Amino acid sequence: MCRNITTLRGLEPSATAEEIEAAARQYVRKVSGVQKTSDATSDAFERAVTLVTAATTELLSELPPRKVPPKTEPPLRRIARTRP
């Protein structure tokens, strides 16, 4: 798995739509090799992010609860926690 993608299942409170999309974006960046979109890559990239976000949302909603929470917080929670 991509080093920058953290486990979203089992978070308290549950993963937000923003956290799921951020993970999808990281995944699509990794598998496509596209770090910054251009006119040639933008449509395909954004379409892939939308599809991966939807699939991830569906997956998380269908899996049973985790018995143990994930070891790390998603990056968006770490950023929010450090802001004054």
PDB file of N, CA and C in Angstrom:
ATOM      1  N   MET A   1       0.852  -1.183   0.000  1.00  0.00           N
ATOM      2  CA  MET A   1       0.000   0.000   0.000  1.00  0.00           C
ATOM      3  C   MET A   1       0.889   1.235   0.000  1.00  0.00           C
ATOM      4  N   CYS A   2       0.369   2.289  -0.523  1.00  0.00           N
ATOM      5  CA  CYS A   2       1.074   3.560  -0.577  1.00  0.00           C
ATOM      6  C   CYS A   2       1.404   4.024   0.839  1.00  0.00           C
ATOM      7  N   ARG A   3       2.609   4.418   1.073  1.00  0.00           N
ATOM      8  CA  ARG A   3       3.037   4.826   2.402  1.00  0.00           C
ATOM      9  C   ARG A   3       2.189   5.958   2.987  1.00  0.00           C
ATOM     10  N   ASN A   4       1.701   6.856   2.142  1.00  0.00           N
ATOM     11  CA  ASN A   4       0.978   8.026   2.625  1.00  0.00           C
ATOM     12  C   ASN A   4      -0.504   7.783   2.871  1.00  0.00           C
ATOM     13  N   ILE A   5      -0.997   6.616   2.515  1.00  0.00           N
ATOM     14  CA  ILE A   5      -2.414   6.334   2.718  1.00  0.00           C
ATOM     15  C   ILE A   5      -2.568   5.621   4.049  1.00  0.00           C
ATOM     16  N   THR A   6      -3.343   6.206   4.952  1.00  0.00           N
ATOM     17  CA  THR A   6      -3.558   5.598   6.254  1.00  0.00           C
ATOM     18  C   THR A   6      -4.872   4.831   6.261  1.00  0.00           C
ATOM     19  N   THR A   7      -4.993   3.913   7.201  1.00  0.00           N
ATOM     20  CA  THR A   7      -6.206   3.120   7.338  1.00  0.00           C
ATOM     21  C   THR A   7      -7.348   4.012   7.795  1.00  0.00           C
ATOM     22  N   LEU A   8      -8.463   3.950   7.099  1.00  0.00           N
ATOM     23  CA  LEU A   8      -9.622   4.776   7.437  1.00  0.00           C
ATOM     24  C   LEU A   8     -10.683   3.991   8.200  1.00  0.00           C
ATOM     25  N   ARG A   9     -10.670   2.688   8.067  1.00  0.00           N
ATOM     26  CA  ARG A   9     -11.664   1.856   8.749  1.00  0.00           C
ATOM     27  C   ARG A   9     -11.362   1.817  10.244  1.00  0.00           C
ATOM     28  N   GLY A  10     -12.382   2.070  11.040  1.00  0.00           N
ATOM     29  CA  GLY A  10     -12.246   1.985  12.488  1.00  0.00           C
ATOM     30  C   GLY A  10     -11.931   3.298  13.168  1.00  0.00           C
ATOM     31  N   LEU A  11     -11.908   4.382  12.413  1.00  0.00           N
ATOM     32  CA  LEU A  11     -11.648   5.685  13.027  1.00  0.00           C
ATOM     33  C   LEU A  11     -12.838   6.106  13.874  1.00  0.00           C
ATOM     34  N   GLU A  12     -12.557   6.822  14.929  1.00  0.00           N
ATOM     35  CA  GLU A  12     -13.608   7.425  15.753  1.00  0.00           C
ATOM     36  C   GLU A  12     -13.342   8.909  15.844  1.00  0.00           C
ATOM     37  N   PRO A  13     -14.224   9.756  15.349  1.00  0.00           N
ATOM     38  CA  PRO A  13     -15.406   9.436  14.569  1.00  0.00           C
ATOM     39  C   PRO A  13     -15.012   8.856  13.209  1.00  0.00           C
ATOM     40  N   SER A  14     -15.983   8.306  12.518  1.00  0.00           N
ATOM     41  CA  SER A  14     -15.751   7.658  11.219  1.00  0.00           C
ATOM     42  C   SER A  14     -15.062   8.601  10.240  1.00  0.00           C
ATOM     43  N   ALA A  15     -14.424   8.002   9.252  1.00  0.00           N
ATOM     44  CA  ALA A  15     -13.745   8.783   8.212  1.00  0.00           C
ATOM     45  C   ALA A  15     -14.732   9.713   7.519  1.00  0.00           C
ATOM     46  N   THR A  16     -14.290  10.921   7.270  1.00  0.00           N
ATOM     47  CA  THR A  16     -15.133  11.907   6.597  1.00  0.00           C
ATOM     48  C   THR A  16     -14.996  11.747   5.087  1.00  0.00           C
ATOM     49  N   ALA A  17     -15.909  12.350   4.359  1.00  0.00           N
ATOM     50  CA  ALA A  17     -15.840  12.341   2.898  1.00  0.00           C
ATOM     51  C   ALA A  17     -14.532  12.981   2.429  1.00  0.00           C
ATOM     52  N   GLU A  18     -14.103  14.010   3.121  1.00  0.00           N
ATOM     53  CA  GLU A  18     -12.852  14.691   2.763  1.00  0.00           C
ATOM     54  C   GLU A  18     -11.645  13.769   2.965  1.00  0.00           C
ATOM     55  N   GLU A  19     -11.634  13.001   4.050  1.00  0.00           N
ATOM     56  CA  GLU A  19     -10.531  12.067   4.301  1.00  0.00           C
ATOM     57  C   GLU A  19     -10.516  10.934   3.269  1.00  0.00           C
ATOM     58  N   ILE A  20     -11.698  10.462   2.902  1.00  0.00           N
ATOM     59  CA  ILE A  20     -11.788   9.393   1.905  1.00  0.00           C
ATOM     60  C   ILE A  20     -11.298   9.899   0.550  1.00  0.00           C
ATOM     61  N   GLU A  21     -11.704  11.104   0.165  1.00  0.00           N
ATOM     62  CA  GLU A  21     -11.241  11.657  -1.108  1.00  0.00           C
ATOM     63  C   GLU A  21      -9.737  11.893  -1.096  1.00  0.00           C
ATOM     64  N   ALA A  22      -9.189  12.369   0.012  1.00  0.00           N
ATOM     65  CA  ALA A  22      -7.741  12.593   0.102  1.00  0.00           C
ATOM     66  C   ALA A  22      -6.981  11.277  -0.078  1.00  0.00           C
ATOM     67  N   ALA A  23      -7.482  10.194   0.512  1.00  0.00           N
ATOM     68  CA  ALA A  23      -6.842   8.891   0.348  1.00  0.00           C
ATOM     69  C   ALA A  23      -6.956   8.422  -1.101  1.00  0.00           C
ATOM     70  N   ALA A  24      -8.112   8.647  -1.724  1.00  0.00           N
ATOM     71  CA  ALA A  24      -8.311   8.269  -3.123  1.00  0.00           C
ATOM     72  C   ALA A  24      -7.341   9.040  -4.019  1.00  0.00           C
ATOM     73  N   ARG A  25      -7.169  10.319  -3.742  1.00  0.00           N
ATOM     74  CA  ARG A  25      -6.252  11.157  -4.511  1.00  0.00           C
ATOM     75  C   ARG A  25      -4.819  10.634  -4.406  1.00  0.00           C
ATOM     76  N   GLN A  26      -4.404  10.262  -3.192  1.00  0.00           N
ATOM     77  CA  GLN A  26      -3.065   9.725  -2.980  1.00  0.00           C
ATOM     78  C   GLN A  26      -2.885   8.424  -3.763  1.00  0.00           C
ATOM     79  N   TYR A  27      -3.898   7.568  -3.726  1.00  0.00           N
ATOM     80  CA  TYR A  27      -3.845   6.296  -4.450  1.00  0.00           C
ATOM     81  C   TYR A  27      -3.719   6.532  -5.954  1.00  0.00           C
ATOM     82  N   VAL A  28      -4.546   7.408  -6.492  1.00  0.00           N
ATOM     83  CA  VAL A  28      -4.517   7.671  -7.935  1.00  0.00           C
ATOM     84  C   VAL A  28      -3.185   8.304  -8.334  1.00  0.00           C
ATOM     85  N   ARG A  29      -2.653   9.180  -7.509  1.00  0.00           N
ATOM     86  CA  ARG A  29      -1.329   9.763  -7.790  1.00  0.00           C
ATOM     87  C   ARG A  29      -0.280   8.664  -7.876  1.00  0.00           C
ATOM     88  N   LYS A  30      -0.323   7.751  -6.915  1.00  0.00           N
ATOM     89  CA  LYS A  30       0.684   6.692  -6.849  1.00  0.00           C
ATOM     90  C   LYS A  30       0.610   5.768  -8.060  1.00  0.00           C
ATOM     91  N   VAL A  31      -0.579   5.264  -8.364  1.00  0.00           N
ATOM     92  CA  VAL A  31      -0.675   4.285  -9.450  1.00  0.00           C
ATOM     93  C   VAL A  31      -0.519   4.917 -10.832  1.00  0.00           C
ATOM     94  N   SER A  32      -0.862   6.191 -10.957  1.00  0.00           N
ATOM     95  CA  SER A  32      -0.761   6.846 -12.271  1.00  0.00           C
ATOM     96  C   SER A  32       0.598   7.486 -12.507  1.00  0.00           C
ATOM     97  N   GLY A  33       1.296   7.813 -11.434  1.00  0.00           N
ATOM     98  CA  GLY A  33       2.557   8.533 -11.582  1.00  0.00           C
ATOM     99  C   GLY A  33       2.357  10.002 -11.879  1.00  0.00           C
ATOM    100  N   VAL A  34       1.117  10.472 -11.781  1.00  0.00           N
ATOM    101  CA  VAL A  34       0.794  11.880 -12.048  1.00  0.00           C
ATOM    102  C   VAL A  34       0.762  12.626 -10.720  1.00  0.00           C
ATOM    103  N   GLN A  35       1.721  13.501 -10.507  1.00  0.00           N
ATOM    104  CA  GLN A  35       1.752  14.276  -9.276  1.00  0.00           C
ATOM    105  C   GLN A  35       1.026  15.615  -9.428  1.00  0.00           C
ATOM    106  N   LYS A  36       1.117  16.174 -10.633  1.00  0.00           N
ATOM    107  CA  LYS A  36       0.443  17.431 -10.938  1.00  0.00           C
ATOM    108  C   LYS A  36      -0.246  17.254 -12.280  1.00  0.00           C
ATOM    109  N   THR A  37      -1.556  17.474 -12.302  1.00  0.00           N
ATOM    110  CA  THR A  37      -2.299  17.237 -13.538  1.00  0.00           C
ATOM    111  C   THR A  37      -2.038  18.329 -14.575  1.00  0.00           C
ATOM    112  N   SER A  38      -2.211  17.932 -15.820  1.00  0.00           N
ATOM    113  CA  SER A  38      -2.098  18.860 -16.946  1.00  0.00           C
ATOM    114  C   SER A  38      -3.399  18.764 -17.734  1.00  0.00           C
ATOM    115  N   ASP A  39      -3.499  19.523 -18.807  1.00  0.00           N
ATOM    116  CA  ASP A  39      -4.688  19.427 -19.662  1.00  0.00           C
ATOM    117  C   ASP A  39      -4.861  18.000 -20.196  1.00  0.00           C
ATOM    118  N   ALA A  40      -3.748  17.324 -20.433  1.00  0.00           N
ATOM    119  CA  ALA A  40      -3.795  15.970 -20.990  1.00  0.00           C
ATOM    120  C   ALA A  40      -4.207  14.916 -19.959  1.00  0.00           C
ATOM    121  N   THR A  41      -3.984  15.187 -18.672  1.00  0.00           N
ATOM    122  CA  THR A  41      -4.245  14.167 -17.642  1.00  0.00           C
ATOM    123  C   THR A  41      -5.393  14.504 -16.698  1.00  0.00           C
ATOM    124  N   SER A  42      -5.824  15.732 -16.675  1.00  0.00           N
ATOM    125  CA  SER A  42      -6.784  16.197 -15.672  1.00  0.00           C
ATOM    126  C   SER A  42      -8.107  15.431 -15.666  1.00  0.00           C
ATOM    127  N   ASP A  43      -8.736  15.264 -16.823  1.00  0.00           N
ATOM    128  CA  ASP A  43     -10.043  14.598 -16.869  1.00  0.00           C
ATOM    129  C   ASP A  43      -9.960  13.155 -16.384  1.00  0.00           C
ATOM    130  N   ALA A  44      -8.994  12.415 -16.891  1.00  0.00           N
ATOM    131  CA  ALA A  44      -8.843  11.012 -16.497  1.00  0.00           C
ATOM    132  C   ALA A  44      -8.507  10.902 -15.016  1.00  0.00           C
ATOM    133  N   PHE A  45      -7.642  11.787 -14.537  1.00  0.00           N
ATOM    134  CA  PHE A  45      -7.241  11.773 -13.136  1.00  0.00           C
ATOM    135  C   PHE A  45      -8.439  12.032 -12.220  1.00  0.00           C
ATOM    136  N   GLU A  46      -9.192  13.075 -12.495  1.00  0.00           N
ATOM    137  CA  GLU A  46     -10.340  13.417 -11.653  1.00  0.00           C
ATOM    138  C   GLU A  46     -11.438  12.351 -11.717  1.00  0.00           C
ATOM    139  N   ARG A  47     -11.626  11.763 -12.881  1.00  0.00           N
ATOM    140  CA  ARG A  47     -12.602  10.672 -13.024  1.00  0.00           C
ATOM    141  C   ARG A  47     -12.177   9.483 -12.156  1.00  0.00           C
ATOM    142  N   ALA A  48     -10.895   9.163 -12.170  1.00  0.00           N
ATOM    143  CA  ALA A  48     -10.379   8.064 -11.347  1.00  0.00           C
ATOM    144  C   ALA A  48     -10.543   8.367  -9.862  1.00  0.00           C
ATOM    145  N   VAL A  49     -10.269   9.602  -9.449  1.00  0.00           N
ATOM    146  CA  VAL A  49     -10.445   9.985  -8.047  1.00  0.00           C
ATOM    147  C   VAL A  49     -11.907   9.799  -7.633  1.00  0.00           C
ATOM    148  N   THR A  50     -12.828  10.208  -8.491  1.00  0.00           N
ATOM    149  CA  THR A  50     -14.254  10.063  -8.199  1.00  0.00           C
ATOM    150  C   THR A  50     -14.632   8.589  -8.032  1.00  0.00           C
ATOM    151  N   LEU A  51     -14.153   7.747  -8.927  1.00  0.00           N
ATOM    152  CA  LEU A  51     -14.468   6.319  -8.862  1.00  0.00           C
ATOM    153  C   LEU A  51     -13.859   5.657  -7.624  1.00  0.00           C
ATOM    154  N   VAL A  52     -12.613   5.968  -7.325  1.00  0.00           N
ATOM    155  CA  VAL A  52     -11.950   5.377  -6.159  1.00  0.00           C
ATOM    156  C   VAL A  52     -12.608   5.876  -4.869  1.00  0.00           C
ATOM    157  N   THR A  53     -12.995   7.147  -4.829  1.00  0.00           N
ATOM    158  CA  THR A  53     -13.689   7.691  -3.663  1.00  0.00           C
ATOM    159  C   THR A  53     -14.999   6.949  -3.437  1.00  0.00           C
ATOM    160  N   ALA A  54     -15.769   6.752  -4.489  1.00  0.00           N
ATOM    161  CA  ALA A  54     -17.052   6.046  -4.370  1.00  0.00           C
ATOM    162  C   ALA A  54     -16.845   4.599  -3.922  1.00  0.00           C
ATOM    163  N   ALA A  55     -15.871   3.922  -4.508  1.00  0.00           N
ATOM    164  CA  ALA A  55     -15.605   2.528  -4.137  1.00  0.00           C
ATOM    165  C   ALA A  55     -15.149   2.429  -2.686  1.00  0.00           C
ATOM    166  N   THR A  56     -14.323   3.358  -2.246  1.00  0.00           N
ATOM    167  CA  THR A  56     -13.838   3.352  -0.866  1.00  0.00           C
ATOM    168  C   THR A  56     -14.968   3.630   0.109  1.00  0.00           C
ATOM    169  N   THR A  57     -15.823   4.582  -0.214  1.00  0.00           N
ATOM    170  CA  THR A  57     -16.966   4.898   0.637  1.00  0.00           C
ATOM    171  C   THR A  57     -17.864   3.673   0.783  1.00  0.00           C
ATOM    172  N   GLU A  58     -18.133   3.006  -0.326  1.00  0.00           N
ATOM    173  CA  GLU A  58     -18.968   1.802  -0.299  1.00  0.00           C
ATOM    174  C   GLU A  58     -18.304   0.692   0.523  1.00  0.00           C
ATOM    175  N   LEU A  59     -17.023   0.486   0.305  1.00  0.00           N
ATOM    176  CA  LEU A  59     -16.289  -0.539   1.042  1.00  0.00           C
ATOM    177  C   LEU A  59     -16.351  -0.293   2.547  1.00  0.00           C
ATOM    178  N   LEU A  60     -16.047   0.934   2.969  1.00  0.00           N
ATOM    179  CA  LEU A  60     -16.045   1.244   4.398  1.00  0.00           C
ATOM    180  C   LEU A  60     -17.427   1.072   5.022  1.00  0.00           C
ATOM    181  N   SER A  61     -18.479   1.363   4.253  1.00  0.00           N
ATOM    182  CA  SER A  61     -19.834   1.236   4.795  1.00  0.00           C
ATOM    183  C   SER A  61     -20.264  -0.226   4.929  1.00  0.00           C
ATOM    184  N   GLU A  62     -19.648  -1.118   4.161  1.00  0.00           N
ATOM    185  CA  GLU A  62     -20.055  -2.518   4.171  1.00  0.00           C
ATOM    186  C   GLU A  62     -19.207  -3.416   5.067  1.00  0.00           C
ATOM    187  N   LEU A  63     -18.027  -2.961   5.456  1.00  0.00           N
ATOM    188  CA  LEU A  63     -17.172  -3.786   6.308  1.00  0.00           C
ATOM    189  C   LEU A  63     -17.658  -3.758   7.752  1.00  0.00           C
ATOM    190  N   PRO A  64     -17.465  -4.843   8.502  1.00  0.00           N
ATOM    191  CA  PRO A  64     -17.836  -4.829   9.918  1.00  0.00           C
ATOM    192  C   PRO A  64     -16.897  -3.911  10.698  1.00  0.00           C
ATOM    193  N   PRO A  65     -17.322  -3.475  11.876  1.00  0.00           N
ATOM    194  CA  PRO A  65     -16.464  -2.602  12.683  1.00  0.00           C
ATOM    195  C   PRO A  65     -15.141  -3.295  13.041  1.00  0.00           C
ATOM    196  N   ARG A  66     -14.112  -2.509  13.193  1.00  0.00           N
ATOM    197  CA  ARG A  66     -12.809  -3.039  13.632  1.00  0.00           C
ATOM    198  C   ARG A  66     -12.834  -3.227  15.131  1.00  0.00           C
ATOM    199  N   LYS A  67     -12.128  -4.211  15.610  1.00  0.00           N
ATOM    200  CA  LYS A  67     -12.019  -4.432  17.057  1.00  0.00           C
ATOM    201  C   LYS A  67     -10.964  -3.525  17.671  1.00  0.00           C
ATOM    202  N   VAL A  68      -9.962  -3.160  16.862  1.00  0.00           N
ATOM    203  CA  VAL A  68      -8.877  -2.297  17.321  1.00  0.00           C
ATOM    204  C   VAL A  68      -8.778  -1.122  16.364  1.00  0.00           C
ATOM    205  N   PRO A  69      -8.730   0.107  16.880  1.00  0.00           N
ATOM    206  CA  PRO A  69      -8.616   1.259  15.973  1.00  0.00           C
ATOM    207  C   PRO A  69      -7.278   1.257  15.243  1.00  0.00           C
ATOM    208  N   PRO A  70      -7.199   1.953  14.103  1.00  0.00           N
ATOM    209  CA  PRO A  70      -5.927   2.020  13.369  1.00  0.00           C
ATOM    210  C   PRO A  70      -4.848   2.686  14.215  1.00  0.00           C
ATOM    211  N   LYS A  71      -3.591   2.356  13.921  1.00  0.00           N
ATOM    212  CA  LYS A  71      -2.460   2.868  14.702  1.00  0.00           C
ATOM    213  C   LYS A  71      -2.164   4.336  14.439  1.00  0.00           C
ATOM    214  N   THR A  72      -2.510   4.815  13.251  1.00  0.00           N
ATOM    215  CA  THR A  72      -2.189   6.202  12.898  1.00  0.00           C
ATOM    216  C   THR A  72      -3.446   6.963  12.501  1.00  0.00           C
ATOM    217  N   GLU A  73      -3.376   8.268  12.692  1.00  0.00           N
ATOM    218  CA  GLU A  73      -4.465   9.151  12.268  1.00  0.00           C
ATOM    219  C   GLU A  73      -4.243   9.567  10.819  1.00  0.00           C
ATOM    220  N   PRO A  74      -5.327   9.783  10.082  1.00  0.00           N
ATOM    221  CA  PRO A  74      -5.164  10.315   8.725  1.00  0.00           C
ATOM    222  C   PRO A  74      -4.527  11.709   8.773  1.00  0.00           C
ATOM    223  N   PRO A  75      -3.788  12.085   7.729  1.00  0.00           N
ATOM    224  CA  PRO A  75      -3.104  13.383   7.714  1.00  0.00           C
ATOM    225  C   PRO A  75      -4.013  14.575   8.009  1.00  0.00           C
ATOM    226  N   LEU A  76      -5.246  14.576   7.496  1.00  0.00           N
ATOM    227  CA  LEU A  76      -6.128  15.724   7.729  1.00  0.00           C
ATOM    228  C   LEU A  76      -6.452  15.887   9.212  1.00  0.00           C
ATOM    229  N   ARG A  77      -6.505  14.806   9.966  1.00  0.00           N
ATOM    230  CA  ARG A  77      -6.750  14.915  11.410  1.00  0.00           C
ATOM    231  C   ARG A  77      -5.519  15.418  12.130  1.00  0.00           C
ATOM    232  N   ARG A  78      -4.346  15.014  11.648  1.00  0.00           N
ATOM    233  CA  ARG A  78      -3.098  15.493  12.278  1.00  0.00           C
ATOM    234  C   ARG A  78      -2.963  16.983  12.082  1.00  0.00           C
ATOM    235  N   ILE A  79      -3.294  17.456  10.879  1.00  0.00           N
ATOM    236  CA  ILE A  79      -3.205  18.901  10.591  1.00  0.00           C
ATOM    237  C   ILE A  79      -4.196  19.667  11.461  1.00  0.00           C
ATOM    238  N   ALA A  80      -5.430  19.188  11.566  1.00  0.00           N
ATOM    239  CA  ALA A  80      -6.455  19.864  12.353  1.00  0.00           C
ATOM    240  C   ALA A  80      -6.069  19.909  13.834  1.00  0.00           C
ATOM    241  N   ARG A  81      -5.447  18.850  14.301  1.00  0.00           N
ATOM    242  CA  ARG A  81      -5.069  18.782  15.719  1.00  0.00           C
ATOM    243  C   ARG A  81      -3.966  19.776  16.061  1.00  0.00           C
ATOM    244  N   THR A  82      -3.075  20.077  15.113  1.00  0.00           N
ATOM    245  CA  THR A  82      -1.953  20.973  15.383  1.00  0.00           C
ATOM    246  C   THR A  82      -2.292  22.442  15.172  1.00  0.00           C
ATOM    247  N   ARG A  83      -3.414  22.734  14.565  1.00  0.00           N
ATOM    248  CA  ARG A  83      -3.799  24.141  14.374  1.00  0.00           C
ATOM    249  C   ARG A  83      -4.300  24.711  15.696  1.00  0.00           C
ATOM    250  N   PRO A  84      -3.952  25.977  15.971  1.00  0.00           N
ATOM    251  CA  PRO A  84      -4.395  26.606  17.222  1.00  0.00           C
ATOM    252  C   PRO A  84      -5.867  26.936  17.220  1.00  0.00           C
TER     253      PRO A  84
END
